[in-house]
Amino acid sequence: MQGLACAGFIPAGIGILAALYSPSPRKNRVFAAFSASQPLGGGIGSMYRSLSRSQVLMLIRTAGLLTTYASWRWAFYLQAIMTALFVIMVFMFVPNDSKQVTRREPIDWFGAILISAGLCAICFALTDAETSPKGWGTDYIIVALVLGVVACSLFVWLQCRLDYPLMPPSLWRYPQFSRVISTYFLGFTAFSGVLIFSYTLMWQLVFGRNAIGVSYSIRHSS
């Protein structure tokens, strides 16, 4: 559900910002602020040096305290509460879109389902293979991986033949687009896939720390 929410909110938010602001330095600042939200959230722990000890505990150990004394589910409960507040703020502050739509292009729903199912199958195989009974040799892991690759390949083949594709292949003809996507892929992989995930496992498995200790160690290192 969290992934579905991000997949819905982020493109919609970018589209609203792109429609509200005309090309200008202000639009550049708006998109920079939008893009800076994730790294700022991850790096806010570096502010603890200027805070008191009680403020430090409140700021940098919230996730660890919730995980240890409440439940890891509260990490999602808090996000749901904040999302509900943001939805209310959207109705209060985001102006209505008064643009008249005179022509609607068809949406490639089959392609959307195809790529979503393929990526979900591949992610399931990659994340569940280690804990499955026979590892990568488990039957459902092999099936999920094969189906995921087939679905993604079929999606690419389909996009090259539709009049109104979900992802127009012509986008990849622009050198800037492929460079941006490659940079984003490598950066996000290093940040979330390697740094955060591996760093958390190191403090848990190597140093044997609990959730509070991991939270404090990560914030201290930042």
N, C-alpha and C. Protein backbone atom coordinates (compact mmCIF):
# COMPACT_ATOMS: atom_id res chain seq x y z
N MET A 1 0.82 -1.20 0.00
CA MET A 1 0.00 0.00 0.00
C MET A 1 0.86 1.26 0.00
N GLN A 2 1.98 1.21 0.72
CA GLN A 2 2.87 2.36 0.74
C GLN A 2 3.44 2.63 -0.64
N GLY A 3 3.84 1.58 -1.33
CA GLY A 3 4.36 1.76 -2.68
C GLY A 3 3.30 2.29 -3.65
N LEU A 4 2.06 1.79 -3.50
CA LEU A 4 0.98 2.29 -4.36
C LEU A 4 0.71 3.77 -4.10
N ALA A 5 0.78 4.17 -2.83
CA ALA A 5 0.55 5.58 -2.51
C ALA A 5 1.64 6.46 -3.12
N CYS A 6 2.89 6.04 -2.99
CA CYS A 6 3.99 6.81 -3.60
C CYS A 6 3.86 6.87 -5.11
N ALA A 7 3.46 5.73 -5.71
CA ALA A 7 3.31 5.70 -7.16
C ALA A 7 2.18 6.61 -7.63
N GLY A 8 1.20 6.85 -6.75
CA GLY A 8 0.11 7.74 -7.12
C GLY A 8 0.38 9.20 -6.80
N PHE A 9 0.98 9.45 -5.64
CA PHE A 9 1.17 10.83 -5.18
C PHE A 9 2.28 11.55 -5.93
N ILE A 10 3.42 10.86 -6.13
CA ILE A 10 4.58 11.54 -6.70
C ILE A 10 4.32 12.01 -8.13
N PRO A 11 3.85 11.15 -9.05
CA PRO A 11 3.56 11.66 -10.40
C PRO A 11 2.49 12.74 -10.41
N ALA A 12 1.46 12.58 -9.55
CA ALA A 12 0.41 13.60 -9.49
C ALA A 12 0.97 14.92 -8.97
N GLY A 13 1.82 14.85 -7.96
CA GLY A 13 2.41 16.07 -7.42
C GLY A 13 3.30 16.77 -8.43
N ILE A 14 4.10 16.00 -9.15
CA ILE A 14 4.96 16.60 -10.18
C ILE A 14 4.12 17.23 -11.28
N GLY A 15 3.03 16.54 -11.66
CA GLY A 15 2.17 17.09 -12.70
C GLY A 15 1.49 18.39 -12.27
N ILE A 16 1.06 18.45 -11.00
CA ILE A 16 0.42 19.67 -10.50
C ILE A 16 1.42 20.82 -10.47
N LEU A 17 2.63 20.55 -10.00
CA LEU A 17 3.64 21.61 -9.95
C LEU A 17 4.01 22.08 -11.36
N ALA A 18 4.11 21.14 -12.29
CA ALA A 18 4.46 21.51 -13.66
C ALA A 18 3.37 22.36 -14.30
N ALA A 19 2.10 22.10 -13.94
CA ALA A 19 1.00 22.85 -14.53
C ALA A 19 0.83 24.23 -13.87
N LEU A 20 1.16 24.33 -12.58
CA LEU A 20 0.93 25.59 -11.87
C LEU A 20 1.99 26.64 -12.16
N TYR A 21 3.24 26.19 -12.39
CA TYR A 21 4.34 27.14 -12.54
C TYR A 21 4.85 27.13 -13.97
N SER A 22 4.96 28.31 -14.54
CA SER A 22 5.54 28.45 -15.87
C SER A 22 7.06 28.40 -15.75
N PRO A 23 7.76 28.08 -16.84
CA PRO A 23 9.23 28.02 -16.78
C PRO A 23 9.84 29.32 -16.24
N SER A 24 10.53 29.20 -15.12
CA SER A 24 11.11 30.36 -14.45
C SER A 24 12.02 29.87 -13.35
N PRO A 25 12.83 30.76 -12.78
CA PRO A 25 13.66 30.36 -11.62
C PRO A 25 12.82 29.86 -10.45
N ARG A 26 11.61 30.42 -10.28
CA ARG A 26 10.75 29.97 -9.19
C ARG A 26 10.34 28.50 -9.39
N LYS A 27 10.05 28.13 -10.61
CA LYS A 27 9.71 26.73 -10.89
C LYS A 27 10.89 25.82 -10.60
N ASN A 28 12.09 26.26 -10.91
CA ASN A 28 13.28 25.48 -10.60
C ASN A 28 13.43 25.28 -9.10
N ARG A 29 13.16 26.34 -8.33
CA ARG A 29 13.25 26.22 -6.87
C ARG A 29 12.18 25.29 -6.32
N VAL A 30 10.99 25.34 -6.90
CA VAL A 30 9.90 24.47 -6.44
C VAL A 30 10.26 23.00 -6.66
N PHE A 31 10.76 22.67 -7.83
CA PHE A 31 11.12 21.28 -8.11
C PHE A 31 12.34 20.86 -7.30
N ALA A 32 13.25 21.78 -7.03
CA ALA A 32 14.38 21.44 -6.17
C ALA A 32 13.93 21.13 -4.76
N ALA A 33 12.97 21.92 -4.25
CA ALA A 33 12.43 21.65 -2.91
C ALA A 33 11.69 20.33 -2.88
N PHE A 34 10.96 20.04 -3.94
CA PHE A 34 10.24 18.76 -4.02
C PHE A 34 11.21 17.58 -4.00
N SER A 35 12.29 17.71 -4.76
CA SER A 35 13.26 16.61 -4.86
C SER A 35 14.12 16.47 -3.61
N ALA A 36 14.27 17.57 -2.86
CA ALA A 36 15.16 17.55 -1.69
C ALA A 36 14.50 16.96 -0.45
N SER A 37 13.22 16.62 -0.52
CA SER A 37 12.52 16.16 0.69
C SER A 37 13.08 14.84 1.21
N GLN A 38 13.41 13.90 0.32
CA GLN A 38 13.91 12.61 0.79
C GLN A 38 15.31 12.71 1.41
N PRO A 39 16.30 13.29 0.71
CA PRO A 39 17.62 13.38 1.36
C PRO A 39 17.61 14.23 2.62
N LEU A 40 16.75 15.24 2.69
CA LEU A 40 16.66 16.04 3.92
C LEU A 40 16.11 15.21 5.06
N GLY A 41 15.12 14.37 4.75
CA GLY A 41 14.59 13.50 5.80
C GLY A 41 15.61 12.51 6.31
N GLY A 42 16.45 11.98 5.38
CA GLY A 42 17.47 11.04 5.82
C GLY A 42 18.64 11.70 6.52
N GLY A 43 18.93 12.95 6.16
CA GLY A 43 20.09 13.61 6.75
C GLY A 43 19.79 14.51 7.91
N ILE A 44 18.53 14.57 8.34
CA ILE A 44 18.18 15.49 9.42
C ILE A 44 18.83 15.10 10.74
N GLY A 45 19.29 13.84 10.80
CA GLY A 45 19.97 13.41 12.02
C GLY A 45 21.25 14.17 12.29
N SER A 46 21.82 14.76 11.24
CA SER A 46 23.05 15.52 11.45
C SER A 46 22.83 16.79 12.26
N MET A 47 21.58 17.16 12.50
CA MET A 47 21.28 18.36 13.28
C MET A 47 21.41 18.13 14.78
N TYR A 48 21.60 16.88 15.19
CA TYR A 48 21.51 16.58 16.61
C TYR A 48 22.61 17.23 17.44
N ARG A 49 23.72 17.61 16.79
CA ARG A 49 24.83 18.17 17.56
C ARG A 49 24.46 19.49 18.24
N SER A 50 23.48 20.21 17.66
CA SER A 50 23.09 21.49 18.24
C SER A 50 21.88 21.39 19.16
N LEU A 51 21.43 20.16 19.45
CA LEU A 51 20.25 19.97 20.28
C LEU A 51 20.64 19.44 21.64
N SER A 52 19.72 19.59 22.58
CA SER A 52 19.95 19.03 23.91
C SER A 52 19.75 17.53 23.88
N ARG A 53 20.11 16.86 24.97
CA ARG A 53 20.00 15.40 24.99
C ARG A 53 18.55 14.95 24.89
N SER A 54 17.65 15.63 25.56
CA SER A 54 16.24 15.25 25.49
C SER A 54 15.69 15.44 24.08
N GLN A 55 16.12 16.50 23.40
CA GLN A 55 15.68 16.72 22.03
C GLN A 55 16.28 15.69 21.09
N VAL A 56 17.51 15.29 21.37
CA VAL A 56 18.14 14.26 20.56
C VAL A 56 17.35 12.96 20.64
N LEU A 57 17.01 12.57 21.87
CA LEU A 57 16.25 11.33 22.04
C LEU A 57 14.91 11.40 21.32
N MET A 58 14.28 12.56 21.37
CA MET A 58 12.98 12.70 20.72
C MET A 58 13.12 12.68 19.20
N LEU A 59 14.20 13.28 18.68
CA LEU A 59 14.35 13.42 17.24
C LEU A 59 14.88 12.15 16.59
N ILE A 60 15.95 11.59 17.12
CA ILE A 60 16.64 10.55 16.38
C ILE A 60 16.29 9.15 16.82
N ARG A 61 15.54 9.00 17.92
CA ARG A 61 15.21 7.66 18.37
C ARG A 61 13.73 7.34 18.25
N THR A 62 13.00 8.17 17.56
CA THR A 62 11.57 7.93 17.44
C THR A 62 11.29 6.58 16.79
N ALA A 63 11.96 6.31 15.68
CA ALA A 63 11.74 5.03 15.00
C ALA A 63 12.18 3.86 15.87
N GLY A 64 13.31 4.00 16.55
CA GLY A 64 13.76 2.93 17.41
C GLY A 64 12.85 2.70 18.60
N LEU A 65 12.34 3.77 19.20
CA LEU A 65 11.42 3.63 20.32
C LEU A 65 10.12 2.97 19.89
N LEU A 66 9.59 3.39 18.76
CA LEU A 66 8.35 2.78 18.27
C LEU A 66 8.54 1.30 17.98
N THR A 67 9.67 0.97 17.35
CA THR A 67 9.92 -0.43 17.01
C THR A 67 10.11 -1.28 18.24
N THR A 68 10.78 -0.73 19.26
CA THR A 68 11.09 -1.51 20.45
C THR A 68 9.92 -1.61 21.41
N TYR A 69 9.24 -0.49 21.67
CA TYR A 69 8.23 -0.46 22.72
C TYR A 69 6.79 -0.46 22.20
N ALA A 70 6.59 -0.19 20.93
CA ALA A 70 5.23 -0.24 20.38
C ALA A 70 5.17 -1.35 19.35
N SER A 71 5.38 -1.03 18.11
CA SER A 71 5.38 -2.01 17.03
C SER A 71 6.01 -1.39 15.81
N TRP A 72 6.64 -2.22 15.00
CA TRP A 72 7.21 -1.72 13.75
C TRP A 72 6.11 -1.19 12.83
N ARG A 73 4.88 -1.62 13.08
CA ARG A 73 3.76 -1.16 12.24
C ARG A 73 3.52 0.33 12.40
N TRP A 74 3.97 0.90 13.53
CA TRP A 74 3.74 2.32 13.74
C TRP A 74 4.52 3.18 12.75
N ALA A 75 5.57 2.62 12.16
CA ALA A 75 6.28 3.36 11.11
C ALA A 75 5.35 3.62 9.93
N PHE A 76 4.43 2.69 9.69
CA PHE A 76 3.45 2.88 8.62
C PHE A 76 2.23 3.66 9.11
N TYR A 77 1.87 3.46 10.39
CA TYR A 77 0.73 4.21 10.93
C TYR A 77 1.00 5.72 10.89
N LEU A 78 2.22 6.11 11.27
CA LEU A 78 2.57 7.53 11.25
C LEU A 78 2.52 8.10 9.84
N GLN A 79 3.01 7.32 8.89
CA GLN A 79 2.96 7.79 7.51
C GLN A 79 1.52 7.93 7.03
N ALA A 80 0.64 7.01 7.46
CA ALA A 80 -0.77 7.11 7.08
C ALA A 80 -1.41 8.36 7.69
N ILE A 81 -1.06 8.66 8.95
CA ILE A 81 -1.60 9.85 9.59
C ILE A 81 -1.12 11.11 8.89
N MET A 82 0.17 11.17 8.59
CA MET A 82 0.71 12.34 7.90
C MET A 82 0.12 12.48 6.50
N THR A 83 -0.08 11.35 5.83
CA THR A 83 -0.69 11.41 4.50
C THR A 83 -2.10 11.97 4.57
N ALA A 84 -2.87 11.54 5.58
CA ALA A 84 -4.23 12.07 5.73
C ALA A 84 -4.21 13.58 5.96
N LEU A 85 -3.26 14.05 6.75
CA LEU A 85 -3.14 15.50 6.98
C LEU A 85 -2.77 16.23 5.69
N PHE A 86 -1.87 15.65 4.91
CA PHE A 86 -1.48 16.28 3.65
C PHE A 86 -2.63 16.31 2.66
N VAL A 87 -3.45 15.27 2.66
CA VAL A 87 -4.61 15.26 1.76
C VAL A 87 -5.56 16.41 2.10
N ILE A 88 -5.77 16.62 3.40
CA ILE A 88 -6.62 17.74 3.82
C ILE A 88 -6.01 19.07 3.39
N MET A 89 -4.69 19.21 3.53
CA MET A 89 -4.02 20.44 3.12
C MET A 89 -4.11 20.66 1.62
N VAL A 90 -4.12 19.58 0.84
CA VAL A 90 -4.24 19.71 -0.61
C VAL A 90 -5.56 20.37 -0.97
N PHE A 91 -6.66 19.93 -0.34
CA PHE A 91 -7.96 20.52 -0.62
C PHE A 91 -8.03 21.98 -0.16
N MET A 92 -7.21 22.33 0.81
CA MET A 92 -7.25 23.69 1.34
C MET A 92 -6.38 24.66 0.53
N PHE A 93 -5.23 24.19 0.02
CA PHE A 93 -4.24 25.12 -0.54
C PHE A 93 -3.95 24.94 -2.02
N VAL A 94 -4.16 23.76 -2.57
CA VAL A 94 -3.85 23.55 -3.99
C VAL A 94 -4.98 24.10 -4.85
N PRO A 95 -4.69 25.02 -5.76
CA PRO A 95 -5.76 25.60 -6.59
C PRO A 95 -6.37 24.57 -7.53
N ASN A 96 -7.62 24.80 -7.89
CA ASN A 96 -8.30 23.91 -8.81
C ASN A 96 -7.74 24.05 -10.22
N ASP A 97 -7.76 22.96 -10.94
CA ASP A 97 -7.30 22.95 -12.32
C ASP A 97 -8.48 23.29 -13.22
N SER A 98 -8.46 24.47 -13.78
CA SER A 98 -9.57 24.94 -14.61
C SER A 98 -9.33 24.72 -16.10
N LYS A 99 -8.30 24.00 -16.45
CA LYS A 99 -7.99 23.78 -17.86
C LYS A 99 -9.04 22.88 -18.50
N GLN A 100 -9.55 23.30 -19.64
CA GLN A 100 -10.54 22.54 -20.37
C GLN A 100 -9.85 21.48 -21.24
N VAL A 101 -10.27 20.26 -21.06
CA VAL A 101 -9.70 19.16 -21.83
C VAL A 101 -10.57 18.92 -23.05
N THR A 102 -10.01 19.14 -24.21
CA THR A 102 -10.77 18.98 -25.45
C THR A 102 -10.51 17.63 -26.13
N ARG A 103 -9.42 16.98 -25.75
CA ARG A 103 -9.09 15.71 -26.39
C ARG A 103 -8.40 14.80 -25.38
N ARG A 104 -8.92 13.62 -25.26
CA ARG A 104 -8.35 12.65 -24.32
C ARG A 104 -7.75 11.48 -25.08
N GLU A 105 -6.50 11.22 -24.80
CA GLU A 105 -5.85 10.07 -25.40
C GLU A 105 -6.11 8.82 -24.56
N PRO A 106 -6.28 7.68 -25.18
CA PRO A 106 -6.55 6.45 -24.40
C PRO A 106 -5.37 6.07 -23.52
N ILE A 107 -5.68 5.50 -22.38
CA ILE A 107 -4.66 5.07 -21.43
C ILE A 107 -4.37 3.59 -21.64
N ASP A 108 -3.13 3.26 -21.66
CA ASP A 108 -2.71 1.87 -21.86
C ASP A 108 -2.82 1.12 -20.52
N TRP A 109 -4.03 0.73 -20.16
CA TRP A 109 -4.25 0.04 -18.89
C TRP A 109 -3.59 -1.33 -18.89
N PHE A 110 -3.65 -2.02 -20.02
CA PHE A 110 -3.03 -3.35 -20.08
C PHE A 110 -1.52 -3.25 -19.87
N GLY A 111 -0.90 -2.25 -20.47
CA GLY A 111 0.53 -2.06 -20.26
C GLY A 111 0.87 -1.72 -18.82
N ALA A 112 0.00 -0.91 -18.18
CA ALA A 112 0.23 -0.57 -16.77
C ALA A 112 0.15 -1.81 -15.90
N ILE A 113 -0.85 -2.65 -16.15
CA ILE A 113 -0.98 -3.89 -15.38
C ILE A 113 0.19 -4.82 -15.66
N LEU A 114 0.63 -4.85 -16.91
CA LEU A 114 1.71 -5.76 -17.30
C LEU A 114 3.03 -5.38 -16.62
N ILE A 115 3.40 -4.11 -16.66
CA ILE A 115 4.67 -3.70 -16.06
C ILE A 115 4.61 -3.76 -14.54
N SER A 116 3.45 -3.47 -13.97
CA SER A 116 3.31 -3.55 -12.51
C SER A 116 3.44 -4.99 -12.04
N ALA A 117 2.77 -5.90 -12.73
CA ALA A 117 2.86 -7.31 -12.35
C ALA A 117 4.28 -7.84 -12.54
N GLY A 118 4.93 -7.45 -13.64
CA GLY A 118 6.28 -7.92 -13.88
C GLY A 118 7.27 -7.43 -12.84
N LEU A 119 7.20 -6.15 -12.49
CA LEU A 119 8.11 -5.61 -11.48
C LEU A 119 7.83 -6.20 -10.11
N CYS A 120 6.56 -6.41 -9.78
CA CYS A 120 6.21 -7.02 -8.50
C CYS A 120 6.75 -8.44 -8.41
N ALA A 121 6.64 -9.20 -9.50
CA ALA A 121 7.14 -10.57 -9.51
C ALA A 121 8.65 -10.61 -9.34
N ILE A 122 9.36 -9.71 -10.04
CA ILE A 122 10.82 -9.68 -9.92
C ILE A 122 11.24 -9.27 -8.51
N CYS A 123 10.59 -8.23 -7.96
CA CYS A 123 10.92 -7.80 -6.59
C CYS A 123 10.63 -8.89 -5.58
N PHE A 124 9.54 -9.60 -5.76
CA PHE A 124 9.22 -10.71 -4.85
C PHE A 124 10.29 -11.79 -4.90
N ALA A 125 10.73 -12.15 -6.12
CA ALA A 125 11.75 -13.18 -6.25
C ALA A 125 13.07 -12.74 -5.62
N LEU A 126 13.46 -11.48 -5.82
CA LEU A 126 14.73 -11.00 -5.29
C LEU A 126 14.71 -10.92 -3.76
N THR A 127 13.59 -10.52 -3.18
CA THR A 127 13.53 -10.32 -1.74
C THR A 127 13.21 -11.60 -0.97
N ASP A 128 12.50 -12.53 -1.58
CA ASP A 128 12.07 -13.73 -0.85
C ASP A 128 12.96 -14.93 -1.11
N ALA A 129 13.89 -14.83 -2.05
CA ALA A 129 14.72 -15.99 -2.40
C ALA A 129 15.58 -16.45 -1.22
N GLU A 130 16.09 -15.50 -0.45
CA GLU A 130 17.01 -15.87 0.63
C GLU A 130 16.31 -16.64 1.75
N THR A 131 15.04 -16.34 2.00
CA THR A 131 14.32 -16.99 3.09
C THR A 131 13.43 -18.13 2.62
N SER A 132 13.39 -18.41 1.35
CA SER A 132 12.58 -19.52 0.84
C SER A 132 13.25 -20.85 1.16
N PRO A 133 12.48 -21.95 1.15
CA PRO A 133 13.03 -23.25 1.58
C PRO A 133 14.28 -23.69 0.85
N LYS A 134 14.33 -23.54 -0.48
CA LYS A 134 15.48 -23.99 -1.26
C LYS A 134 16.25 -22.83 -1.88
N GLY A 135 16.06 -21.63 -1.34
CA GLY A 135 16.76 -20.48 -1.87
C GLY A 135 16.33 -20.17 -3.30
N TRP A 136 17.31 -19.88 -4.14
CA TRP A 136 17.00 -19.56 -5.53
C TRP A 136 16.47 -20.76 -6.29
N GLY A 137 16.62 -21.95 -5.76
CA GLY A 137 16.11 -23.15 -6.42
C GLY A 137 14.67 -23.46 -6.08
N THR A 138 14.04 -22.66 -5.24
CA THR A 138 12.62 -22.88 -4.91
C THR A 138 11.76 -22.66 -6.13
N ASP A 139 10.75 -23.52 -6.27
CA ASP A 139 9.93 -23.49 -7.48
C ASP A 139 9.25 -22.14 -7.69
N TYR A 140 8.61 -21.61 -6.64
CA TYR A 140 7.85 -20.37 -6.85
C TYR A 140 8.76 -19.17 -7.06
N ILE A 141 10.01 -19.24 -6.59
CA ILE A 141 10.95 -18.16 -6.86
C ILE A 141 11.33 -18.16 -8.34
N ILE A 142 11.61 -19.34 -8.88
CA ILE A 142 11.95 -19.43 -10.31
C ILE A 142 10.78 -18.98 -11.17
N VAL A 143 9.57 -19.43 -10.81
CA VAL A 143 8.39 -19.06 -11.59
C VAL A 143 8.16 -17.55 -11.54
N ALA A 144 8.28 -16.96 -10.34
CA ALA A 144 8.08 -15.51 -10.21
C ALA A 144 9.10 -14.73 -11.01
N LEU A 145 10.35 -15.18 -10.98
CA LEU A 145 11.40 -14.47 -11.71
C LEU A 145 11.19 -14.57 -13.23
N VAL A 146 10.83 -15.77 -13.70
CA VAL A 146 10.61 -15.95 -15.14
C VAL A 146 9.39 -15.14 -15.59
N LEU A 147 8.29 -15.21 -14.84
CA LEU A 147 7.10 -14.46 -15.20
C LEU A 147 7.36 -12.96 -15.18
N GLY A 148 8.15 -12.50 -14.22
CA GLY A 148 8.47 -11.08 -14.16
C GLY A 148 9.25 -10.62 -15.37
N VAL A 149 10.26 -11.38 -15.75
CA VAL A 149 11.07 -11.02 -16.92
C VAL A 149 10.22 -11.07 -18.19
N VAL A 150 9.37 -12.08 -18.31
CA VAL A 150 8.52 -12.20 -19.49
C VAL A 150 7.54 -11.04 -19.57
N ALA A 151 6.93 -10.68 -18.43
CA ALA A 151 5.97 -9.58 -18.41
C ALA A 151 6.64 -8.26 -18.77
N CYS A 152 7.82 -7.99 -18.23
CA CYS A 152 8.54 -6.75 -18.56
C CYS A 152 8.97 -6.72 -20.02
N SER A 153 9.40 -7.86 -20.55
CA SER A 153 9.79 -7.92 -21.96
C SER A 153 8.58 -7.71 -22.87
N LEU A 154 7.45 -8.31 -22.49
CA LEU A 154 6.23 -8.12 -23.26
C LEU A 154 5.76 -6.67 -23.21
N PHE A 155 5.97 -6.01 -22.08
CA PHE A 155 5.61 -4.61 -21.96
C PHE A 155 6.43 -3.75 -22.93
N VAL A 156 7.74 -3.99 -22.98
CA VAL A 156 8.60 -3.24 -23.90
C VAL A 156 8.19 -3.49 -25.34
N TRP A 157 7.91 -4.73 -25.68
CA TRP A 157 7.48 -5.07 -27.04
C TRP A 157 6.16 -4.39 -27.39
N LEU A 158 5.25 -4.35 -26.42
CA LEU A 158 3.94 -3.74 -26.63
C LEU A 158 4.05 -2.23 -26.82
N GLN A 159 4.92 -1.59 -26.06
CA GLN A 159 5.06 -0.13 -26.15
C GLN A 159 5.59 0.32 -27.51
N CYS A 160 6.33 -0.53 -28.15
CA CYS A 160 6.89 -0.18 -29.46
C CYS A 160 5.86 -0.30 -30.58
N ARG A 161 4.69 -0.82 -30.27
CA ARG A 161 3.69 -1.07 -31.31
C ARG A 161 2.37 -0.37 -31.08
N LEU A 162 2.21 0.33 -30.00
CA LEU A 162 0.96 1.03 -29.71
C LEU A 162 1.02 2.46 -30.22
N ASP A 163 -0.13 2.99 -30.59
CA ASP A 163 -0.20 4.39 -31.00
C ASP A 163 -0.11 5.33 -29.81
N TYR A 164 -0.63 4.91 -28.67
CA TYR A 164 -0.59 5.72 -27.46
C TYR A 164 0.00 4.87 -26.33
N PRO A 165 1.31 4.68 -26.36
CA PRO A 165 1.94 3.82 -25.34
C PRO A 165 2.00 4.50 -23.98
N LEU A 166 2.11 3.68 -22.96
CA LEU A 166 2.25 4.21 -21.61
C LEU A 166 3.60 4.88 -21.43
N MET A 167 4.64 4.31 -22.00
CA MET A 167 5.98 4.89 -21.98
C MET A 167 6.48 4.96 -23.43
N PRO A 168 6.32 6.10 -24.07
CA PRO A 168 6.73 6.20 -25.48
C PRO A 168 8.21 5.88 -25.66
N PRO A 169 8.54 4.96 -26.55
CA PRO A 169 9.96 4.63 -26.78
C PRO A 169 10.77 5.82 -27.29
N SER A 170 10.09 6.82 -27.86
CA SER A 170 10.81 7.98 -28.38
C SER A 170 11.52 8.76 -27.28
N LEU A 171 11.08 8.58 -26.02
CA LEU A 171 11.75 9.28 -24.93
C LEU A 171 13.22 8.92 -24.83
N TRP A 172 13.54 7.68 -25.17
CA TRP A 172 14.92 7.22 -25.03
C TRP A 172 15.81 7.73 -26.14
N ARG A 173 15.24 8.42 -27.12
CA ARG A 173 16.06 9.00 -28.18
C ARG A 173 16.74 10.28 -27.73
N TYR A 174 16.24 10.85 -26.64
CA TYR A 174 16.85 12.07 -26.12
C TYR A 174 18.00 11.69 -25.18
N PRO A 175 19.22 12.09 -25.48
CA PRO A 175 20.36 11.70 -24.62
C PRO A 175 20.18 12.14 -23.18
N GLN A 176 19.56 13.30 -22.95
CA GLN A 176 19.41 13.79 -21.59
C GLN A 176 18.51 12.86 -20.77
N PHE A 177 17.48 12.30 -21.39
CA PHE A 177 16.54 11.46 -20.67
C PHE A 177 17.22 10.19 -20.16
N SER A 178 17.95 9.52 -21.04
CA SER A 178 18.62 8.29 -20.63
C SER A 178 19.68 8.56 -19.57
N ARG A 179 20.34 9.71 -19.64
CA ARG A 179 21.34 10.04 -18.63
C ARG A 179 20.70 10.31 -17.28
N VAL A 180 19.57 11.03 -17.30
CA VAL A 180 18.88 11.32 -16.05
C VAL A 180 18.37 10.05 -15.41
N ILE A 181 17.75 9.17 -16.20
CA ILE A 181 17.22 7.92 -15.66
C ILE A 181 18.34 7.04 -15.11
N SER A 182 19.45 6.97 -15.84
CA SER A 182 20.58 6.16 -15.37
C SER A 182 21.16 6.72 -14.07
N THR A 183 21.29 8.04 -14.01
CA THR A 183 21.81 8.66 -12.79
C THR A 183 20.87 8.43 -11.61
N TYR A 184 19.58 8.57 -11.86
CA TYR A 184 18.59 8.34 -10.79
C TYR A 184 18.62 6.89 -10.33
N PHE A 185 18.73 5.97 -11.27
CA PHE A 185 18.76 4.54 -10.91
C PHE A 185 19.99 4.22 -10.06
N LEU A 186 21.15 4.67 -10.49
CA LEU A 186 22.36 4.38 -9.73
C LEU A 186 22.36 5.09 -8.38
N GLY A 187 21.91 6.35 -8.36
CA GLY A 187 21.88 7.08 -7.09
C GLY A 187 20.92 6.47 -6.10
N PHE A 188 19.71 6.13 -6.55
CA PHE A 188 18.72 5.57 -5.63
C PHE A 188 19.13 4.17 -5.18
N THR A 189 19.76 3.40 -6.08
CA THR A 189 20.25 2.07 -5.70
C THR A 189 21.32 2.17 -4.62
N ALA A 190 22.25 3.12 -4.79
CA ALA A 190 23.31 3.29 -3.80
C ALA A 190 22.75 3.81 -2.48
N PHE A 191 21.76 4.71 -2.55
CA PHE A 191 21.24 5.33 -1.33
C PHE A 191 20.34 4.38 -0.54
N SER A 192 19.34 3.82 -1.21
CA SER A 192 18.36 2.98 -0.51
C SER A 192 18.74 1.50 -0.54
N GLY A 193 19.15 1.02 -1.71
CA GLY A 193 19.41 -0.40 -1.84
C GLY A 193 20.68 -0.87 -1.16
N VAL A 194 21.70 -0.02 -1.12
CA VAL A 194 22.98 -0.43 -0.55
C VAL A 194 23.24 0.24 0.79
N LEU A 195 23.20 1.57 0.81
CA LEU A 195 23.59 2.30 2.00
C LEU A 195 22.65 2.03 3.17
N ILE A 196 21.37 2.34 3.00
CA ILE A 196 20.42 2.21 4.11
C ILE A 196 20.22 0.76 4.51
N PHE A 197 19.94 -0.11 3.53
CA PHE A 197 19.66 -1.51 3.84
C PHE A 197 20.87 -2.21 4.45
N SER A 198 22.01 -2.13 3.77
CA SER A 198 23.21 -2.82 4.26
C SER A 198 23.71 -2.21 5.57
N TYR A 199 23.61 -0.90 5.69
CA TYR A 199 24.05 -0.23 6.91
C TYR A 199 23.23 -0.67 8.12
N THR A 200 21.92 -0.78 7.92
CA THR A 200 21.06 -1.23 9.01
C THR A 200 21.37 -2.67 9.40
N LEU A 201 21.54 -3.54 8.42
CA LEU A 201 21.87 -4.93 8.72
C LEU A 201 23.21 -5.05 9.43
N MET A 202 24.17 -4.20 9.07
CA MET A 202 25.48 -4.26 9.72
C MET A 202 25.36 -4.00 11.22
N TRP A 203 24.61 -2.95 11.60
CA TRP A 203 24.48 -2.64 13.02
C TRP A 203 23.69 -3.71 13.75
N GLN A 204 22.77 -4.38 13.08
CA GLN A 204 21.98 -5.41 13.74
C GLN A 204 22.74 -6.73 13.86
N LEU A 205 23.31 -7.19 12.73
CA LEU A 205 23.90 -8.52 12.69
C LEU A 205 25.34 -8.55 13.18
N VAL A 206 26.13 -7.53 12.84
CA VAL A 206 27.53 -7.53 13.22
C VAL A 206 27.73 -7.01 14.64
N PHE A 207 27.08 -5.87 14.96
CA PHE A 207 27.26 -5.27 16.27
C PHE A 207 26.17 -5.67 17.27
N GLY A 208 25.14 -6.37 16.81
CA GLY A 208 24.12 -6.91 17.71
C GLY A 208 23.29 -5.85 18.42
N ARG A 209 23.00 -4.74 17.78
CA ARG A 209 22.24 -3.69 18.43
C ARG A 209 20.75 -3.82 18.11
N ASN A 210 19.94 -3.33 19.06
CA ASN A 210 18.49 -3.36 18.85
C ASN A 210 18.07 -2.16 18.00
N ALA A 211 16.75 -1.98 17.89
CA ALA A 211 16.25 -0.92 17.00
C ALA A 211 16.69 0.46 17.46
N ILE A 212 16.69 0.70 18.78
CA ILE A 212 17.10 2.01 19.29
C ILE A 212 18.58 2.24 19.01
N GLY A 213 19.39 1.20 19.24
CA GLY A 213 20.82 1.33 19.00
C GLY A 213 21.14 1.56 17.53
N VAL A 214 20.41 0.88 16.64
CA VAL A 214 20.61 1.09 15.21
C VAL A 214 20.24 2.51 14.81
N SER A 215 19.09 2.99 15.33
CA SER A 215 18.67 4.35 15.01
C SER A 215 19.69 5.37 15.47
N TYR A 216 20.19 5.22 16.69
CA TYR A 216 21.17 6.16 17.21
C TYR A 216 22.48 6.09 16.43
N SER A 217 22.90 4.89 16.05
CA SER A 217 24.17 4.73 15.34
C SER A 217 24.11 5.35 13.96
N ILE A 218 22.99 5.16 13.26
CA ILE A 218 22.85 5.75 11.93
C ILE A 218 22.85 7.26 12.00
N ARG A 219 22.08 7.82 12.95
CA ARG A 219 22.03 9.27 13.06
C ARG A 219 23.36 9.84 13.51
N HIS A 220 24.04 9.11 14.40
CA HIS A 220 25.35 9.57 14.85
C HIS A 220 26.36 9.59 13.71
N SER A 221 26.30 8.57 12.85
CA SER A 221 27.23 8.51 11.73
C SER A 221 26.95 9.59 10.70
N SER A 222 25.66 9.99 10.57
CA SER A 222 25.36 11.04 9.59
C SER A 222 25.81 12.40 10.06
